[in-house]
Amino acid sequence: MKQQEIVKLSNEDLKNRLADFQNQMINLKLTHKMAPIENPLRITSMRKLIARLNTELTVRQNKAQ
């Protein structure tokens, strides 16, 4: 998901996607601990995506104040 796509989302969509990606991240880490996954860089990219979503939410909250 690119930054341009993130900016276009509504606040509710951002929160929903953030929750979904956090759940996926937990499952991905758990799977990786049990047996190495094919592409461990997915964990890094997922973490960065979650950070982008959190950043956009923070920016919107600061603008609202």
Protein backbone atom coordinates (compact mmCIF):
# COMPACT_ATOMS: atom_id res chain seq x y z
CA MET A 1 0.00 0.00 0.00
CA LYS A 2 1.49 3.29 -1.09
CA GLN A 3 1.39 6.57 0.80
CA GLN A 4 -0.92 8.09 -1.82
CA GLU A 5 -3.46 5.34 -1.18
CA ILE A 6 -3.19 5.80 2.58
CA VAL A 7 -3.89 9.54 2.34
CA LYS A 8 -7.10 8.90 0.38
CA LEU A 9 -8.57 6.60 3.05
CA SER A 10 -11.08 7.82 5.61
CA ASN A 11 -10.31 7.72 9.33
CA GLU A 12 -12.52 4.66 9.86
CA ASP A 13 -10.84 2.82 6.98
CA LEU A 14 -7.43 3.69 8.41
CA LYS A 15 -8.36 2.31 11.81
CA ASN A 16 -9.84 -0.86 10.31
CA ARG A 17 -6.85 -1.50 8.08
CA LEU A 18 -4.47 -0.78 10.94
CA ALA A 19 -6.21 -3.38 13.12
CA ASP A 20 -6.18 -5.92 10.26
CA PHE A 21 -2.48 -5.41 9.53
CA GLN A 22 -1.59 -5.63 13.21
CA ASN A 23 -3.39 -8.98 13.42
CA GLN A 24 -1.59 -10.16 10.29
CA MET A 25 1.72 -9.06 11.81
CA ILE A 26 1.07 -11.08 14.97
CA ASN A 27 0.20 -14.16 12.92
CA LEU A 28 3.22 -13.66 10.66
CA LYS A 29 5.61 -13.43 13.63
CA LEU A 30 4.07 -16.48 15.26
CA THR A 31 4.35 -18.48 12.05
CA HIS A 32 7.96 -17.37 11.61
CA LYS A 33 8.88 -18.49 15.13
CA MET A 34 7.45 -21.97 14.56
CA ALA A 35 8.93 -22.49 11.12
CA PRO A 36 10.86 -19.97 9.03
CA ILE A 37 8.70 -18.31 6.41
CA GLU A 38 9.81 -18.11 2.80
CA ASN A 39 10.28 -14.35 2.75
CA PRO A 40 11.18 -12.92 6.17
CA LEU A 41 11.32 -9.42 4.65
CA ARG A 42 7.50 -9.50 4.73
CA ILE A 43 7.76 -8.86 8.47
CA THR A 44 9.80 -5.71 7.84
CA SER A 45 7.48 -4.44 5.13
CA MET A 46 4.43 -5.12 7.32
CA ARG A 47 6.00 -3.23 10.22
CA LYS A 48 6.71 -0.24 7.95
CA LEU A 49 3.15 -0.27 6.61
CA ILE A 50 1.76 -0.26 10.15
CA ALA A 51 4.04 2.68 10.97
CA ARG A 52 2.78 4.59 7.90
CA LEU A 53 -0.83 4.04 8.93
CA ASN A 54 -0.10 5.16 12.51
CA THR A 55 1.70 8.24 11.23
CA GLU A 56 -1.21 9.25 9.01
CA LEU A 57 -3.65 8.84 11.90
CA THR A 58 -1.45 11.00 14.13
CA VAL A 59 -1.15 13.69 11.46
CA ARG A 60 -4.93 13.80 11.06
CA GLN A 61 -5.48 13.99 14.81
CA ASN A 62 -3.01 16.85 15.11
CA LYS A 63 -4.70 18.76 12.27
CA ALA A 64 -8.09 18.32 13.94
CA GLN A 65 -6.83 19.97 17.13
